Amino acid sequence: MGAGTSTVSRRSFLVSAGTVGIVGAVDAADVTGQSRAADPPGTADRRGTVALMLRINGKEHRLRVDPRTTLLDCLRETVALTGTKKGCDHGQCGACTVHVNGRRVNSCLSLAVMHDGESITTIEGLGTPEALHPMQAAFVACDAYQCGYCTSGQIMSAVALLKEPCGSDDADVKELMSGNICRCGAYQNIVTAVQQVRRTA
């Protein structure tokens, strides 16, 4: 090689390239760490959430939730009211039935943010062990459940049915309760319980 021409060995090139790579990685990690530390404490947890107020079983709840949160998940995970059950999560079984402003709703199909300011009633809001709602008492008296998983949704639908146009026959009750599935097959006892309350209402 001619005078003044620098020679770079393969080893020295790899050493210098590796050093640059390590410095770059350290700098990137440092910048990332600084970026995260720059956020006020707790801000990341609230980012992307929305504020809403739900009046659940007569009590006002002011919440912040992910806008994609279903009413079902909000009730179970955020408010810790687990009486409302998650069954199919596709609106087909009725286990998640609650009342919104007095009307029955499949809470798995409804976003919580859609109900800002509205009144929600869950199975916990119907009665207590010491003072059961008449429909709850009828389900017990008529043995209208087996495993019990669908029972809260069945009862919520049955209570709503009391205020809806419904014929007097068992077939009419079955039609209006058809959105609630009982995998144990306790349908006749469920209808008996509903009819018992209808006769005394």
C-alpha atoms as a PDB file:
ATOM      1  CA  MET A   1       0.000   0.000   0.000  1.00  0.00           C
ATOM      2  CA  GLY A   2       1.150   3.537  -0.630  1.00  0.00           C
ATOM      3  CA  ALA A   3       2.410   5.970   1.993  1.00  0.00           C
ATOM      4  CA  GLY A   4      -0.319   7.683   3.993  1.00  0.00           C
ATOM      5  CA  THR A   5      -2.867   4.939   3.392  1.00  0.00           C
ATOM      6  CA  SER A   6      -4.317   3.736   6.737  1.00  0.00           C
ATOM      7  CA  THR A   7      -4.808   0.063   7.264  1.00  0.00           C
ATOM      8  CA  VAL A   8      -7.734  -1.250   9.296  1.00  0.00           C
ATOM      9  CA  SER A   9      -7.672  -4.852  10.392  1.00  0.00           C
ATOM     10  CA  ARG A  10     -10.827  -6.923  10.539  1.00  0.00           C
ATOM     11  CA  ARG A  11     -10.441  -7.217  14.315  1.00  0.00           C
ATOM     12  CA  SER A  12     -10.113  -3.479  14.931  1.00  0.00           C
ATOM     13  CA  PHE A  13     -13.142  -2.770  12.731  1.00  0.00           C
ATOM     14  CA  LEU A  14     -15.337  -5.237  14.640  1.00  0.00           C
ATOM     15  CA  VAL A  15     -14.184  -3.864  18.006  1.00  0.00           C
ATOM     16  CA  SER A  16     -14.996  -0.275  17.039  1.00  0.00           C
ATOM     17  CA  ALA A  17     -18.353  -1.243  15.481  1.00  0.00           C
ATOM     18  CA  GLY A  18     -19.311  -3.191  18.584  1.00  0.00           C
ATOM     19  CA  THR A  19     -18.428  -0.240  20.797  1.00  0.00           C
ATOM     20  CA  VAL A  20     -20.667   2.070  18.766  1.00  0.00           C
ATOM     21  CA  GLY A  21     -23.513  -0.471  18.999  1.00  0.00           C
ATOM     22  CA  ILE A  22     -23.228  -0.741  22.788  1.00  0.00           C
ATOM     23  CA  VAL A  23     -23.124   3.030  23.239  1.00  0.00           C
ATOM     24  CA  GLY A  24     -26.186   3.378  21.006  1.00  0.00           C
ATOM     25  CA  ALA A  25     -28.097   0.776  23.009  1.00  0.00           C
ATOM     26  CA  VAL A  26     -27.179   2.419  26.319  1.00  0.00           C
ATOM     27  CA  ASP A  27     -28.209   5.845  25.024  1.00  0.00           C
ATOM     28  CA  ALA A  28     -31.559   4.479  23.752  1.00  0.00           C
ATOM     29  CA  ALA A  29     -32.281   2.799  27.091  1.00  0.00           C
ATOM     30  CA  ASP A  30     -31.367   5.981  28.912  1.00  0.00           C
ATOM     31  CA  VAL A  31     -33.680   8.087  26.735  1.00  0.00           C
ATOM     32  CA  THR A  32     -36.509   5.562  27.146  1.00  0.00           C
ATOM     33  CA  GLY A  33     -36.037   5.577  30.907  1.00  0.00           C
ATOM     34  CA  GLN A  34     -36.059   9.380  31.002  1.00  0.00           C
ATOM     35  CA  SER A  35     -39.212   9.466  28.890  1.00  0.00           C
ATOM     36  CA  ARG A  36     -41.055   7.141  31.268  1.00  0.00           C
ATOM     37  CA  ALA A  37     -39.808   8.989  34.342  1.00  0.00           C
ATOM     38  CA  ALA A  38     -41.030  12.301  32.906  1.00  0.00           C
ATOM     39  CA  ASP A  39     -44.690  11.253  33.283  1.00  0.00           C
ATOM     40  CA  PRO A  40     -46.323  12.260  36.597  1.00  0.00           C
ATOM     41  CA  PRO A  41     -46.926   9.265  38.901  1.00  0.00           C
ATOM     42  CA  GLY A  42     -50.119   7.409  38.038  1.00  0.00           C
ATOM     43  CA  THR A  43     -50.711   9.200  34.732  1.00  0.00           C
ATOM     44  CA  ALA A  44     -49.992   6.113  32.637  1.00  0.00           C
ATOM     45  CA  ASP A  45     -52.710   4.188  34.461  1.00  0.00           C
ATOM     46  CA  ARG A  46     -55.355   6.770  33.497  1.00  0.00           C
ATOM     47  CA  ARG A  47     -54.248   7.382  29.910  1.00  0.00           C
ATOM     48  CA  GLY A  48     -56.951   6.316  27.459  1.00  0.00           C
ATOM     49  CA  THR A  49     -59.674   5.882  30.095  1.00  0.00           C
ATOM     50  CA  VAL A  50     -62.929   7.823  30.230  1.00  0.00           C
ATOM     51  CA  ALA A  51     -64.913   9.069  33.197  1.00  0.00           C
ATOM     52  CA  LEU A  52     -68.492   7.975  33.747  1.00  0.00           C
ATOM     53  CA  MET A  53     -71.097   7.762  36.459  1.00  0.00           C
ATOM     54  CA  LEU A  54     -73.331   4.735  36.914  1.00  0.00           C
ATOM     55  CA  ARG A  55     -76.117   4.582  39.476  1.00  0.00           C
ATOM     56  CA  ILE A  56     -75.910   0.911  40.448  1.00  0.00           C
ATOM     57  CA  ASN A  57     -78.505  -0.542  42.816  1.00  0.00           C
ATOM     58  CA  GLY A  58     -79.313   2.977  44.003  1.00  0.00           C
ATOM     59  CA  LYS A  59     -75.689   3.921  44.715  1.00  0.00           C
ATOM     60  CA  GLU A  60     -73.719   6.392  42.603  1.00  0.00           C
ATOM     61  CA  HIS A  61     -70.399   5.117  41.247  1.00  0.00           C
ATOM     62  CA  ARG A  62     -67.949   7.544  39.610  1.00  0.00           C
ATOM     63  CA  LEU A  63     -65.514   5.486  37.567  1.00  0.00           C
ATOM     64  CA  ARG A  64     -62.729   5.678  34.999  1.00  0.00           C
ATOM     65  CA  VAL A  65     -62.768   2.814  32.513  1.00  0.00           C
ATOM     66  CA  ASP A  66     -61.289   1.807  29.203  1.00  0.00           C
ATOM     67  CA  PRO A  67     -63.897   2.857  26.599  1.00  0.00           C
ATOM     68  CA  ARG A  68     -63.928  -0.744  25.306  1.00  0.00           C
ATOM     69  CA  THR A  69     -65.075  -2.122  28.687  1.00  0.00           C
ATOM     70  CA  THR A  70     -68.425  -3.889  28.550  1.00  0.00           C
ATOM     71  CA  LEU A  71     -71.051  -3.152  31.155  1.00  0.00           C
ATOM     72  CA  LEU A  72     -70.646  -6.761  32.311  1.00  0.00           C
ATOM     73  CA  ASP A  73     -66.901  -6.446  32.897  1.00  0.00           C
ATOM     74  CA  CYS A  74     -67.379  -3.048  34.540  1.00  0.00           C
ATOM     75  CA  LEU A  75     -69.867  -4.516  37.018  1.00  0.00           C
ATOM     76  CA  ARG A  76     -67.771  -7.599  37.753  1.00  0.00           C
ATOM     77  CA  GLU A  77     -64.201  -6.299  37.585  1.00  0.00           C
ATOM     78  CA  THR A  78     -64.461  -2.609  38.466  1.00  0.00           C
ATOM     79  CA  VAL A  79     -67.403  -2.475  40.875  1.00  0.00           C
ATOM     80  CA  ALA A  80     -66.920  -6.066  42.171  1.00  0.00           C
ATOM     81  CA  LEU A  81     -70.583  -7.070  41.791  1.00  0.00           C
ATOM     82  CA  THR A  82     -70.043 -10.664  40.685  1.00  0.00           C
ATOM     83  CA  GLY A  83     -73.646 -11.870  40.889  1.00  0.00           C
ATOM     84  CA  THR A  84     -74.027 -11.005  37.207  1.00  0.00           C
ATOM     85  CA  LYS A  85     -72.423 -13.931  35.405  1.00  0.00           C
ATOM     86  CA  LYS A  86     -70.336 -14.130  32.255  1.00  0.00           C
ATOM     87  CA  GLY A  87     -71.623 -17.064  30.243  1.00  0.00           C
ATOM     88  CA  CYS A  88     -71.209 -17.056  26.480  1.00  0.00           C
ATOM     89  CA  ASP A  89     -70.014 -13.410  26.294  1.00  0.00           C
ATOM     90  CA  HIS A  90     -71.866 -13.186  22.948  1.00  0.00           C
ATOM     91  CA  GLY A  91     -75.401 -12.242  24.037  1.00  0.00           C
ATOM     92  CA  GLN A  92     -76.783 -15.738  23.475  1.00  0.00           C
ATOM     93  CA  CYS A  93     -77.258 -17.224  26.959  1.00  0.00           C
ATOM     94  CA  GLY A  94     -78.699 -14.396  29.074  1.00  0.00           C
ATOM     95  CA  ALA A  95     -76.583 -15.160  32.165  1.00  0.00           C
ATOM     96  CA  CYS A  96     -75.418 -11.523  32.218  1.00  0.00           C
ATOM     97  CA  THR A  97     -78.908  -9.960  32.203  1.00  0.00           C
ATOM     98  CA  VAL A  98     -79.268  -6.745  34.215  1.00  0.00           C
ATOM     99  CA  HIS A  99     -81.803  -3.920  34.198  1.00  0.00           C
ATOM    100  CA  VAL A 100     -80.905  -0.551  32.664  1.00  0.00           C
ATOM    101  CA  ASN A 101     -83.473   2.099  33.517  1.00  0.00           C
ATOM    102  CA  GLY A 102     -85.901  -0.728  34.287  1.00  0.00           C
ATOM    103  CA  ARG A 103     -85.430  -2.676  31.048  1.00  0.00           C
ATOM    104  CA  ARG A 104     -83.506  -5.939  30.738  1.00  0.00           C
ATOM    105  CA  VAL A 105     -80.217  -5.818  28.869  1.00  0.00           C
ATOM    106  CA  ASN A 106     -77.518  -8.350  28.023  1.00  0.00           C
ATOM    107  CA  SER A 107     -74.651  -6.562  29.736  1.00  0.00           C
ATOM    108  CA  CYS A 108     -71.988  -8.432  27.726  1.00  0.00           C
ATOM    109  CA  LEU A 109     -73.194  -6.707  24.538  1.00  0.00           C
ATOM    110  CA  SER A 110     -73.293  -3.200  25.952  1.00  0.00           C
ATOM    111  CA  LEU A 111     -70.364  -0.852  26.575  1.00  0.00           C
ATOM    112  CA  ALA A 112     -70.261   0.742  30.015  1.00  0.00           C
ATOM    113  CA  VAL A 113     -69.727   4.225  28.536  1.00  0.00           C
ATOM    114  CA  MET A 114     -73.074   3.953  26.737  1.00  0.00           C
ATOM    115  CA  HIS A 115     -74.815   4.080  30.120  1.00  0.00           C
ATOM    116  CA  ASP A 116     -73.245   7.162  31.661  1.00  0.00           C
ATOM    117  CA  GLY A 117     -75.730   8.611  34.164  1.00  0.00           C
ATOM    118  CA  GLU A 118     -78.153   5.699  33.851  1.00  0.00           C
ATOM    119  CA  SER A 119     -79.658   3.497  36.524  1.00  0.00           C
ATOM    120  CA  ILE A 120     -78.421  -0.108  36.647  1.00  0.00           C
ATOM    121  CA  THR A 121     -79.968  -2.884  38.738  1.00  0.00           C
ATOM    122  CA  THR A 122     -78.133  -6.161  39.270  1.00  0.00           C
ATOM    123  CA  ILE A 123     -79.197  -9.298  41.131  1.00  0.00           C
ATOM    124  CA  GLU A 124     -77.577  -7.827  44.268  1.00  0.00           C
ATOM    125  CA  GLY A 125     -80.033  -4.921  44.087  1.00  0.00           C
ATOM    126  CA  LEU A 126     -83.220  -7.014  44.015  1.00  0.00           C
ATOM    127  CA  GLY A 127     -83.292  -8.346  47.537  1.00  0.00           C
ATOM    128  CA  THR A 128     -81.274  -9.598  50.492  1.00  0.00           C
ATOM    129  CA  PRO A 129     -81.122 -13.037  52.161  1.00  0.00           C
ATOM    130  CA  GLU A 130     -83.339 -11.621  54.894  1.00  0.00           C
ATOM    131  CA  ALA A 131     -85.781  -9.935  52.487  1.00  0.00           C
ATOM    132  CA  LEU A 132     -85.870 -11.750  49.153  1.00  0.00           C
ATOM    133  CA  HIS A 133     -87.601 -10.273  46.129  1.00  0.00           C
ATOM    134  CA  PRO A 134     -90.793 -12.303  45.471  1.00  0.00           C
ATOM    135  CA  MET A 135     -89.192 -13.744  42.312  1.00  0.00           C
ATOM    136  CA  GLN A 136     -86.113 -14.841  44.227  1.00  0.00           C
ATOM    137  CA  ALA A 137     -88.331 -16.469  46.843  1.00  0.00           C
ATOM    138  CA  ALA A 138     -90.357 -18.234  44.141  1.00  0.00           C
ATOM    139  CA  PHE A 139     -87.208 -19.629  42.504  1.00  0.00           C
ATOM    140  CA  VAL A 140     -86.228 -21.105  45.868  1.00  0.00           C
ATOM    141  CA  ALA A 141     -89.714 -22.447  46.611  1.00  0.00           C
ATOM    142  CA  CYS A 142     -90.102 -23.992  43.144  1.00  0.00           C
ATOM    143  CA  ASP A 143     -86.572 -25.398  42.971  1.00  0.00           C
ATOM    144  CA  ALA A 144     -86.080 -23.422  39.768  1.00  0.00           C
ATOM    145  CA  TYR A 145     -82.324 -23.897  39.551  1.00  0.00           C
ATOM    146  CA  GLN A 146     -79.716 -26.636  39.614  1.00  0.00           C
ATOM    147  CA  CYS A 147     -76.117 -25.501  39.187  1.00  0.00           C
ATOM    148  CA  GLY A 148     -77.282 -21.901  39.673  1.00  0.00           C
ATOM    149  CA  TYR A 149     -74.972 -20.305  37.115  1.00  0.00           C
ATOM    150  CA  CYS A 150     -77.802 -18.961  34.953  1.00  0.00           C
ATOM    151  CA  THR A 151     -80.071 -18.168  37.892  1.00  0.00           C
ATOM    152  CA  SER A 152     -79.242 -14.491  38.377  1.00  0.00           C
ATOM    153  CA  GLY A 153     -79.893 -13.793  34.690  1.00  0.00           C
ATOM    154  CA  GLN A 154     -83.088 -15.878  34.760  1.00  0.00           C
ATOM    155  CA  ILE A 155     -84.386 -13.956  37.770  1.00  0.00           C
ATOM    156  CA  MET A 156     -83.508 -10.568  36.267  1.00  0.00           C
ATOM    157  CA  SER A 157     -85.362 -11.476  33.067  1.00  0.00           C
ATOM    158  CA  ALA A 158     -88.310 -12.845  35.028  1.00  0.00           C
ATOM    159  CA  VAL A 159     -88.626  -9.650  37.080  1.00  0.00           C
ATOM    160  CA  ALA A 160     -88.539  -7.560  33.897  1.00  0.00           C
ATOM    161  CA  LEU A 161     -91.186  -9.828  32.366  1.00  0.00           C
ATOM    162  CA  LEU A 162     -93.614  -8.810  35.127  1.00  0.00           C
ATOM    163  CA  LYS A 163     -93.772  -5.326  33.591  1.00  0.00           C
ATOM    164  CA  GLU A 164     -93.891  -6.448  29.962  1.00  0.00           C
ATOM    165  CA  PRO A 165     -96.905  -7.478  27.849  1.00  0.00           C
ATOM    166  CA  CYS A 166     -97.159 -11.237  28.299  1.00  0.00           C
ATOM    167  CA  GLY A 167    -100.007 -13.687  27.808  1.00  0.00           C
ATOM    168  CA  SER A 168    -101.245 -15.830  30.643  1.00  0.00           C
ATOM    169  CA  ASP A 169    -100.132 -19.241  29.334  1.00  0.00           C
ATOM    170  CA  ASP A 170     -96.895 -21.058  30.127  1.00  0.00           C
ATOM    171  CA  ALA A 171     -96.034 -20.877  26.435  1.00  0.00           C
ATOM    172  CA  ASP A 172     -96.173 -17.084  26.621  1.00  0.00           C
ATOM    173  CA  VAL A 173     -93.768 -17.060  29.554  1.00  0.00           C
ATOM    174  CA  LYS A 174     -91.425 -19.454  27.751  1.00  0.00           C
ATOM    175  CA  GLU A 175     -91.399 -17.148  24.737  1.00  0.00           C
ATOM    176  CA  LEU A 176     -90.438 -14.086  26.790  1.00  0.00           C
ATOM    177  CA  MET A 177     -87.822 -16.064  28.726  1.00  0.00           C
ATOM    178  CA  SER A 178     -86.332 -17.646  25.597  1.00  0.00           C
ATOM    179  CA  GLY A 179     -83.283 -15.377  25.724  1.00  0.00           C
ATOM    180  CA  ASN A 180     -82.115 -17.116  28.895  1.00  0.00           C
ATOM    181  CA  ILE A 181     -80.586 -20.557  28.564  1.00  0.00           C
ATOM    182  CA  CYS A 182     -80.466 -23.100  31.399  1.00  0.00           C
ATOM    183  CA  ARG A 183     -77.946 -25.802  30.561  1.00  0.00           C
ATOM    184  CA  CYS A 184     -79.308 -27.931  33.414  1.00  0.00           C
ATOM    185  CA  GLY A 185     -82.780 -27.913  31.835  1.00  0.00           C
ATOM    186  CA  ALA A 186     -84.775 -26.544  34.787  1.00  0.00           C
ATOM    187  CA  TYR A 187     -87.139 -24.729  32.429  1.00  0.00           C
ATOM    188  CA  GLN A 188     -90.450 -26.051  33.749  1.00  0.00           C
ATOM    189  CA  ASN A 189     -89.628 -25.092  37.311  1.00  0.00           C
ATOM    190  CA  ILE A 190     -88.512 -21.658  36.134  1.00  0.00           C
ATOM    191  CA  VAL A 191     -91.846 -21.159  34.370  1.00  0.00           C
ATOM    192  CA  THR A 192     -93.674 -22.388  37.485  1.00  0.00           C
ATOM    193  CA  ALA A 193     -91.826 -19.830  39.618  1.00  0.00           C
ATOM    194  CA  VAL A 194     -92.602 -16.992  37.198  1.00  0.00           C
ATOM    195  CA  GLN A 195     -96.282 -17.947  37.004  1.00  0.00           C
ATOM    196  CA  GLN A 196     -96.506 -18.168  40.800  1.00  0.00           C
ATOM    197  CA  VAL A 197     -95.324 -14.575  41.151  1.00  0.00           C
ATOM    198  CA  ARG A 198     -97.567 -13.386  38.318  1.00  0.00           C
ATOM    199  CA  ARG A 199    -100.611 -14.842  40.065  1.00  0.00           C
ATOM    200  CA  THR A 200     -99.823 -13.064  43.322  1.00  0.00           C
ATOM    201  CA  ALA A 201     -98.545  -9.770  41.878  1.00  0.00           C
END
